[in-house]
Amino acid sequence: MGSVRKASAWLGLVEDSDDDRYYDDEYAEGSNETAEPWVTDPRVRAVAESAEDKSPRIATVTPDGFRDARGIGELFRDGVPVIMNLTSMEPSDAKRIVDFAAGLTFGLRGSIERVANRVFLLSPADTEVVSGEAAGRDTNGFFNQS
């Protein structure tokens, strides 16, 4: 088989007439009782376990009243960023929730940011909030027309 034909077969453009070179004779003849069972590479399992341990979560809470403050505090204390939507609350209860959240974030060294009107983001200390502005972006226009 010529080199062009081999390259075409490797790319899948033509049928490879030499398919037998890809099969192991012992495997093709049937199951081998003395063969070891198939084992997954342990590195794959280790990566999957570490990904499960650090499952990132963000909680969205729309409290009805101040009684929902405890749930917000428990989520935040567990290290989960919380988005509080206070648009459906009475202004006096919303103010109490914001005061509670401010004390909560101060006590646990987190941060509180206003996202929209009566919507706040509570971020734990180990969470970095990135703004929508790209760092070092030229603000003169879409293309750099220098």
N, C-alpha and C. Protein backbone atom coordinates (compact mmCIF):
# COMPACT_ATOMS: atom_id res chain seq x y z
N MET A 1 0.86 -1.17 0.00
CA MET A 1 0.00 0.00 0.00
C MET A 1 0.90 1.22 0.00
N GLY A 2 0.62 2.17 -0.92
CA GLY A 2 1.42 3.37 -1.03
C GLY A 2 1.15 4.34 0.10
N SER A 3 2.02 5.31 0.24
CA SER A 3 1.89 6.26 1.34
C SER A 3 0.63 7.12 1.22
N VAL A 4 0.24 7.48 -0.01
CA VAL A 4 -0.97 8.26 -0.19
C VAL A 4 -2.19 7.43 0.19
N ARG A 5 -2.17 6.16 -0.19
CA ARG A 5 -3.29 5.27 0.14
C ARG A 5 -3.36 5.07 1.66
N LYS A 6 -2.20 4.92 2.33
CA LYS A 6 -2.17 4.76 3.78
C LYS A 6 -2.73 6.00 4.48
N ALA A 7 -2.32 7.18 4.00
CA ALA A 7 -2.80 8.42 4.59
C ALA A 7 -4.31 8.57 4.38
N SER A 8 -4.78 8.21 3.19
CA SER A 8 -6.21 8.28 2.92
C SER A 8 -6.99 7.31 3.79
N ALA A 9 -6.44 6.12 4.01
CA ALA A 9 -7.09 5.12 4.87
C ALA A 9 -7.10 5.60 6.32
N TRP A 10 -6.00 6.22 6.74
CA TRP A 10 -5.93 6.72 8.12
C TRP A 10 -6.94 7.83 8.35
N LEU A 11 -7.16 8.67 7.34
CA LEU A 11 -8.13 9.75 7.44
C LEU A 11 -9.56 9.26 7.26
N GLY A 12 -9.70 8.00 6.81
CA GLY A 12 -11.04 7.44 6.63
C GLY A 12 -11.65 7.78 5.29
N LEU A 13 -10.84 8.21 4.35
CA LEU A 13 -11.36 8.58 3.04
C LEU A 13 -11.57 7.36 2.15
N VAL A 14 -10.78 6.31 2.35
CA VAL A 14 -10.92 5.07 1.58
C VAL A 14 -10.92 3.89 2.53
N GLU A 15 -11.41 2.75 2.06
CA GLU A 15 -11.41 1.54 2.87
C GLU A 15 -9.98 1.04 3.03
N ASP A 16 -9.64 0.65 4.24
CA ASP A 16 -8.32 0.10 4.52
C ASP A 16 -8.35 -1.39 4.25
N SER A 17 -7.58 -1.83 3.28
CA SER A 17 -7.59 -3.25 2.92
C SER A 17 -6.77 -4.08 3.89
N ASP A 18 -6.04 -3.42 4.77
CA ASP A 18 -5.17 -4.13 5.71
C ASP A 18 -5.74 -4.02 7.12
N ASP A 19 -7.08 -4.29 7.29
CA ASP A 19 -7.72 -4.16 8.60
C ASP A 19 -7.24 -5.18 9.61
N ASP A 20 -6.69 -6.29 9.17
CA ASP A 20 -6.29 -7.34 10.10
C ASP A 20 -5.15 -6.91 11.01
N ARG A 21 -4.40 -5.92 10.64
CA ARG A 21 -3.27 -5.51 11.48
C ARG A 21 -3.71 -4.84 12.77
N TYR A 22 -4.98 -4.46 12.89
CA TYR A 22 -5.47 -3.79 14.08
C TYR A 22 -6.01 -4.75 15.14
N TYR A 23 -6.16 -6.02 14.80
CA TYR A 23 -6.76 -6.96 15.73
C TYR A 23 -5.72 -7.89 16.32
N ASP A 24 -5.87 -8.17 17.59
CA ASP A 24 -5.02 -9.13 18.28
C ASP A 24 -5.60 -10.52 18.03
N ASP A 25 -4.76 -11.47 17.66
CA ASP A 25 -5.25 -12.81 17.33
C ASP A 25 -5.95 -13.47 18.51
N GLU A 26 -5.43 -13.30 19.72
CA GLU A 26 -6.05 -13.93 20.89
C GLU A 26 -7.43 -13.35 21.16
N TYR A 27 -7.59 -12.08 20.97
CA TYR A 27 -8.88 -11.44 21.22
C TYR A 27 -9.90 -11.86 20.16
N ALA A 28 -9.45 -11.95 18.92
CA ALA A 28 -10.36 -12.28 17.83
C ALA A 28 -10.85 -13.72 17.92
N GLU A 29 -10.06 -14.65 18.51
CA GLU A 29 -10.44 -16.06 18.58
C GLU A 29 -11.52 -16.32 19.62
N GLY A 30 -11.71 -15.47 20.56
CA GLY A 30 -12.72 -15.69 21.60
C GLY A 30 -12.21 -15.19 22.93
N SER A 31 -13.01 -15.39 23.95
CA SER A 31 -12.62 -14.90 25.26
C SER A 31 -11.54 -15.78 25.85
N ASN A 32 -10.60 -15.16 26.48
CA ASN A 32 -9.50 -15.87 27.10
C ASN A 32 -9.78 -15.91 28.60
N GLU A 33 -9.92 -17.06 29.18
CA GLU A 33 -10.28 -17.20 30.59
C GLU A 33 -9.16 -16.74 31.52
N THR A 34 -7.91 -16.75 31.06
CA THR A 34 -6.81 -16.36 31.94
C THR A 34 -6.53 -14.87 31.88
N ALA A 35 -7.22 -14.14 31.03
CA ALA A 35 -6.97 -12.70 30.91
C ALA A 35 -7.49 -11.98 32.15
N GLU A 36 -6.81 -10.89 32.50
CA GLU A 36 -7.23 -10.09 33.64
C GLU A 36 -8.49 -9.32 33.27
N PRO A 37 -9.36 -9.05 34.24
CA PRO A 37 -10.55 -8.27 33.94
C PRO A 37 -10.17 -6.83 33.58
N TRP A 38 -11.03 -6.19 32.83
CA TRP A 38 -10.77 -4.83 32.41
C TRP A 38 -10.81 -3.90 33.61
N VAL A 39 -9.78 -3.10 33.77
CA VAL A 39 -9.68 -2.20 34.91
C VAL A 39 -9.55 -0.78 34.38
N THR A 40 -10.31 0.12 34.96
CA THR A 40 -10.23 1.52 34.58
C THR A 40 -8.95 2.11 35.13
N ASP A 41 -8.38 2.99 34.37
CA ASP A 41 -7.17 3.68 34.79
C ASP A 41 -7.46 4.43 36.10
N PRO A 42 -6.68 4.22 37.16
CA PRO A 42 -6.98 4.86 38.45
C PRO A 42 -6.90 6.38 38.40
N ARG A 43 -6.15 6.94 37.46
CA ARG A 43 -6.07 8.39 37.36
C ARG A 43 -7.41 8.98 36.96
N VAL A 44 -8.17 8.26 36.16
CA VAL A 44 -9.48 8.76 35.74
C VAL A 44 -10.42 8.84 36.93
N ARG A 45 -10.40 7.83 37.78
CA ARG A 45 -11.25 7.82 38.96
C ARG A 45 -10.85 8.94 39.91
N ALA A 46 -9.57 9.20 40.08
CA ALA A 46 -9.11 10.25 40.99
C ALA A 46 -9.58 11.62 40.51
N VAL A 47 -9.56 11.86 39.23
CA VAL A 47 -10.01 13.14 38.70
C VAL A 47 -11.52 13.29 38.90
N ALA A 48 -12.26 12.21 38.67
CA ALA A 48 -13.71 12.27 38.84
C ALA A 48 -14.07 12.53 40.30
N GLU A 49 -13.35 11.91 41.22
CA GLU A 49 -13.64 12.11 42.64
C GLU A 49 -13.35 13.53 43.07
N SER A 50 -12.25 14.11 42.60
CA SER A 50 -11.94 15.48 43.00
C SER A 50 -12.94 16.46 42.39
N ALA A 51 -13.45 16.15 41.19
CA ALA A 51 -14.46 17.02 40.60
C ALA A 51 -15.76 16.95 41.38
N GLU A 52 -16.10 15.78 41.91
CA GLU A 52 -17.31 15.65 42.69
C GLU A 52 -17.20 16.39 44.02
N ASP A 53 -16.00 16.41 44.61
CA ASP A 53 -15.82 17.07 45.89
C ASP A 53 -15.98 18.58 45.78
N LYS A 54 -15.60 19.16 44.66
CA LYS A 54 -15.62 20.60 44.51
C LYS A 54 -16.74 21.04 43.59
N SER A 55 -17.90 20.43 43.72
CA SER A 55 -19.00 20.78 42.84
C SER A 55 -19.43 22.22 43.11
N PRO A 56 -19.19 23.12 42.15
CA PRO A 56 -19.55 24.51 42.37
C PRO A 56 -21.06 24.68 42.31
N ARG A 57 -21.58 25.42 43.27
CA ARG A 57 -23.01 25.68 43.32
C ARG A 57 -23.22 27.15 43.59
N ILE A 58 -24.31 27.67 43.09
CA ILE A 58 -24.75 29.02 43.41
C ILE A 58 -26.23 28.90 43.74
N ALA A 59 -26.62 29.44 44.88
CA ALA A 59 -28.02 29.37 45.30
C ALA A 59 -28.73 30.66 44.92
N THR A 60 -29.93 30.52 44.39
CA THR A 60 -30.79 31.65 44.12
C THR A 60 -31.97 31.58 45.08
N VAL A 61 -32.13 32.62 45.87
CA VAL A 61 -33.16 32.63 46.91
C VAL A 61 -34.07 33.83 46.69
N THR A 62 -35.37 33.57 46.72
CA THR A 62 -36.37 34.64 46.67
C THR A 62 -37.19 34.55 47.94
N PRO A 63 -36.73 35.21 49.02
CA PRO A 63 -37.42 35.08 50.30
C PRO A 63 -38.78 35.78 50.30
N ASP A 64 -39.69 35.20 51.10
CA ASP A 64 -41.01 35.80 51.27
C ASP A 64 -41.03 36.78 52.44
N GLY A 65 -40.20 36.50 53.42
CA GLY A 65 -40.15 37.34 54.61
C GLY A 65 -38.83 37.14 55.33
N PHE A 66 -38.70 37.78 56.48
CA PHE A 66 -37.46 37.70 57.23
C PHE A 66 -37.19 36.29 57.76
N ARG A 67 -38.23 35.47 57.87
CA ARG A 67 -38.05 34.11 58.38
C ARG A 67 -37.16 33.25 57.46
N ASP A 68 -36.98 33.67 56.19
CA ASP A 68 -36.13 32.95 55.25
C ASP A 68 -34.65 33.31 55.40
N ALA A 69 -34.34 34.23 56.29
CA ALA A 69 -32.95 34.66 56.49
C ALA A 69 -32.07 33.50 56.97
N ARG A 70 -32.64 32.62 57.78
CA ARG A 70 -31.86 31.50 58.30
C ARG A 70 -31.36 30.60 57.16
N GLY A 71 -32.22 30.32 56.20
CA GLY A 71 -31.81 29.50 55.05
C GLY A 71 -30.69 30.14 54.25
N ILE A 72 -30.77 31.45 54.08
CA ILE A 72 -29.72 32.18 53.38
C ILE A 72 -28.41 32.07 54.16
N GLY A 73 -28.49 32.24 55.48
CA GLY A 73 -27.30 32.15 56.32
C GLY A 73 -26.66 30.78 56.29
N GLU A 74 -27.48 29.73 56.30
CA GLU A 74 -26.94 28.36 56.28
C GLU A 74 -26.25 28.05 54.96
N LEU A 75 -26.84 28.49 53.85
CA LEU A 75 -26.19 28.29 52.55
C LEU A 75 -24.86 29.02 52.50
N PHE A 76 -24.86 30.28 52.92
CA PHE A 76 -23.64 31.08 52.86
C PHE A 76 -22.57 30.53 53.80
N ARG A 77 -22.97 30.07 54.96
CA ARG A 77 -22.02 29.50 55.92
C ARG A 77 -21.37 28.24 55.37
N ASP A 78 -22.09 27.50 54.50
CA ASP A 78 -21.53 26.30 53.87
C ASP A 78 -20.64 26.62 52.68
N GLY A 79 -20.45 27.90 52.39
CA GLY A 79 -19.54 28.29 51.31
C GLY A 79 -20.21 28.40 49.95
N VAL A 80 -21.51 28.47 49.92
CA VAL A 80 -22.25 28.58 48.67
C VAL A 80 -22.56 30.05 48.40
N PRO A 81 -22.16 30.58 47.22
CA PRO A 81 -22.58 31.94 46.88
C PRO A 81 -24.10 32.00 46.76
N VAL A 82 -24.69 33.09 47.22
CA VAL A 82 -26.15 33.21 47.25
C VAL A 82 -26.56 34.46 46.50
N ILE A 83 -27.52 34.31 45.58
CA ILE A 83 -28.14 35.45 44.93
C ILE A 83 -29.50 35.65 45.59
N MET A 84 -29.68 36.81 46.21
CA MET A 84 -30.94 37.12 46.88
C MET A 84 -31.77 38.03 46.00
N ASN A 85 -32.97 37.60 45.67
CA ASN A 85 -33.90 38.40 44.89
C ASN A 85 -34.98 38.90 45.84
N LEU A 86 -34.93 40.16 46.18
CA LEU A 86 -35.83 40.74 47.17
C LEU A 86 -36.96 41.55 46.53
N THR A 87 -37.20 41.37 45.25
CA THR A 87 -38.18 42.20 44.56
C THR A 87 -39.61 41.93 45.00
N SER A 88 -39.91 40.76 45.51
CA SER A 88 -41.28 40.45 45.90
C SER A 88 -41.54 40.72 47.39
N MET A 89 -40.58 41.28 48.09
CA MET A 89 -40.72 41.52 49.53
C MET A 89 -41.17 42.95 49.82
N GLU A 90 -41.75 43.11 50.99
CA GLU A 90 -42.06 44.45 51.49
C GLU A 90 -40.75 45.19 51.74
N PRO A 91 -40.69 46.48 51.51
CA PRO A 91 -39.44 47.21 51.70
C PRO A 91 -38.85 47.10 53.10
N SER A 92 -39.69 47.07 54.13
CA SER A 92 -39.15 46.99 55.50
C SER A 92 -38.49 45.63 55.74
N ASP A 93 -39.10 44.54 55.27
CA ASP A 93 -38.49 43.21 55.43
C ASP A 93 -37.26 43.07 54.55
N ALA A 94 -37.29 43.65 53.36
CA ALA A 94 -36.13 43.59 52.48
C ALA A 94 -34.93 44.28 53.12
N LYS A 95 -35.18 45.41 53.79
CA LYS A 95 -34.09 46.12 54.48
C LYS A 95 -33.52 45.27 55.60
N ARG A 96 -34.37 44.58 56.34
CA ARG A 96 -33.89 43.71 57.41
C ARG A 96 -33.04 42.57 56.85
N ILE A 97 -33.45 41.98 55.73
CA ILE A 97 -32.68 40.90 55.10
C ILE A 97 -31.33 41.42 54.63
N VAL A 98 -31.30 42.60 54.03
CA VAL A 98 -30.03 43.18 53.56
C VAL A 98 -29.11 43.45 54.75
N ASP A 99 -29.66 43.96 55.84
CA ASP A 99 -28.85 44.19 57.04
C ASP A 99 -28.29 42.88 57.58
N PHE A 100 -29.14 41.84 57.60
CA PHE A 100 -28.68 40.53 58.05
C PHE A 100 -27.57 40.00 57.14
N ALA A 101 -27.76 40.13 55.83
CA ALA A 101 -26.77 39.63 54.87
C ALA A 101 -25.46 40.41 54.98
N ALA A 102 -25.54 41.70 55.24
CA ALA A 102 -24.32 42.49 55.40
C ALA A 102 -23.54 42.03 56.63
N GLY A 103 -24.24 41.78 57.72
CA GLY A 103 -23.57 41.26 58.92
C GLY A 103 -23.01 39.87 58.70
N LEU A 104 -23.76 39.05 57.98
CA LEU A 104 -23.31 37.69 57.67
C LEU A 104 -22.03 37.70 56.85
N THR A 105 -22.00 38.51 55.81
CA THR A 105 -20.80 38.56 54.96
C THR A 105 -19.62 39.18 55.70
N PHE A 106 -19.87 40.15 56.55
CA PHE A 106 -18.78 40.73 57.33
C PHE A 106 -18.22 39.71 58.30
N GLY A 107 -19.09 38.99 58.99
CA GLY A 107 -18.64 38.01 59.98
C GLY A 107 -17.88 36.84 59.38
N LEU A 108 -18.22 36.45 58.16
CA LEU A 108 -17.55 35.32 57.51
C LEU A 108 -16.55 35.77 56.44
N ARG A 109 -16.19 37.05 56.47
CA ARG A 109 -15.18 37.64 55.59
C ARG A 109 -15.53 37.50 54.11
N GLY A 110 -16.80 37.53 53.80
CA GLY A 110 -17.26 37.48 52.41
C GLY A 110 -17.51 38.87 51.88
N SER A 111 -18.31 38.95 50.84
CA SER A 111 -18.66 40.25 50.28
C SER A 111 -20.11 40.22 49.81
N ILE A 112 -20.70 41.40 49.76
CA ILE A 112 -22.05 41.56 49.28
C ILE A 112 -22.03 42.62 48.19
N GLU A 113 -22.69 42.32 47.07
CA GLU A 113 -22.73 43.25 45.95
C GLU A 113 -24.14 43.36 45.43
N ARG A 114 -24.51 44.55 45.04
CA ARG A 114 -25.81 44.77 44.43
C ARG A 114 -25.69 44.43 42.95
N VAL A 115 -26.51 43.51 42.47
CA VAL A 115 -26.47 43.08 41.08
C VAL A 115 -27.48 43.88 40.26
N ALA A 116 -28.64 44.06 40.81
CA ALA A 116 -29.71 44.83 40.16
C ALA A 116 -30.54 45.46 41.27
N ASN A 117 -31.61 46.14 40.90
CA ASN A 117 -32.47 46.75 41.89
C ASN A 117 -33.09 45.67 42.77
N ARG A 118 -32.74 45.67 44.04
CA ARG A 118 -33.22 44.71 45.05
C ARG A 118 -32.79 43.27 44.79
N VAL A 119 -31.66 43.10 44.10
CA VAL A 119 -31.04 41.78 43.88
C VAL A 119 -29.59 41.90 44.32
N PHE A 120 -29.16 40.98 45.21
CA PHE A 120 -27.83 41.04 45.80
C PHE A 120 -27.11 39.70 45.66
N LEU A 121 -25.79 39.77 45.53
CA LEU A 121 -24.94 38.58 45.47
C LEU A 121 -24.09 38.53 46.73
N LEU A 122 -24.20 37.43 47.47
CA LEU A 122 -23.37 37.20 48.65
C LEU A 122 -22.28 36.21 48.24
N SER A 123 -21.03 36.63 48.33
CA SER A 123 -19.91 35.79 47.91
C SER A 123 -19.06 35.41 49.11
N PRO A 124 -18.78 34.11 49.31
CA PRO A 124 -17.89 33.69 50.39
C PRO A 124 -16.47 34.21 50.16
N ALA A 125 -15.66 34.11 51.20
CA ALA A 125 -14.30 34.65 51.15
C ALA A 125 -13.45 34.03 50.06
N ASP A 126 -13.63 32.76 49.75
CA ASP A 126 -12.79 32.08 48.77
C ASP A 126 -13.34 32.16 47.35
N THR A 127 -14.33 33.02 47.11
CA THR A 127 -14.94 33.15 45.79
C THR A 127 -14.53 34.47 45.17
N GLU A 128 -14.09 34.40 43.91
CA GLU A 128 -13.70 35.60 43.19
C GLU A 128 -14.82 35.98 42.23
N VAL A 129 -15.28 37.20 42.33
CA VAL A 129 -16.32 37.71 41.43
C VAL A 129 -15.63 38.51 40.35
N VAL A 130 -15.86 38.12 39.10
CA VAL A 130 -15.23 38.77 37.97
C VAL A 130 -16.28 39.63 37.28
N SER A 131 -15.94 40.88 37.04
CA SER A 131 -16.90 41.76 36.38
C SER A 131 -16.97 41.43 34.90
N GLY A 132 -17.94 41.96 34.22
CA GLY A 132 -18.12 41.68 32.80
C GLY A 132 -17.11 42.36 31.91
N GLU A 133 -16.36 43.32 32.42
CA GLU A 133 -15.36 44.02 31.62
C GLU A 133 -14.11 43.18 31.51
N ALA A 134 -13.61 43.00 30.30
CA ALA A 134 -12.38 42.24 30.07
C ALA A 134 -11.19 43.09 30.49
N ALA A 135 -10.25 42.46 31.17
CA ALA A 135 -9.06 43.17 31.64
C ALA A 135 -8.19 43.58 30.46
N GLY A 136 -7.76 44.81 30.46
CA GLY A 136 -6.84 45.29 29.43
C GLY A 136 -7.49 45.51 28.08
N ARG A 137 -8.79 45.54 28.02
CA ARG A 137 -9.48 45.72 26.75
C ARG A 137 -9.44 47.18 26.34
N ASP A 138 -9.21 47.39 25.05
CA ASP A 138 -9.21 48.75 24.52
C ASP A 138 -10.65 49.24 24.44
N THR A 139 -10.93 50.37 25.04
CA THR A 139 -12.31 50.88 25.09
C THR A 139 -12.62 51.83 23.94
N ASN A 140 -11.71 51.96 22.95
CA ASN A 140 -11.94 52.88 21.84
C ASN A 140 -12.87 52.30 20.78
N GLY A 141 -13.17 51.06 20.84
CA GLY A 141 -14.05 50.46 19.84
C GLY A 141 -13.89 48.97 19.80
N PHE A 142 -14.64 48.35 18.91
CA PHE A 142 -14.61 46.89 18.82
C PHE A 142 -13.27 46.41 18.29
N PHE A 143 -12.75 47.06 17.25
CA PHE A 143 -11.46 46.69 16.68
C PHE A 143 -10.43 47.73 17.08
N ASN A 144 -9.20 47.29 17.22
CA ASN A 144 -8.12 48.23 17.48
C ASN A 144 -7.73 48.84 16.15
N GLN A 145 -8.05 50.09 15.93
CA GLN A 145 -7.85 50.72 14.63
C GLN A 145 -6.62 51.61 14.64
N SER A 146 -5.56 51.17 15.29
CA SER A 146 -4.35 51.98 15.36
C SER A 146 -3.58 51.92 14.08
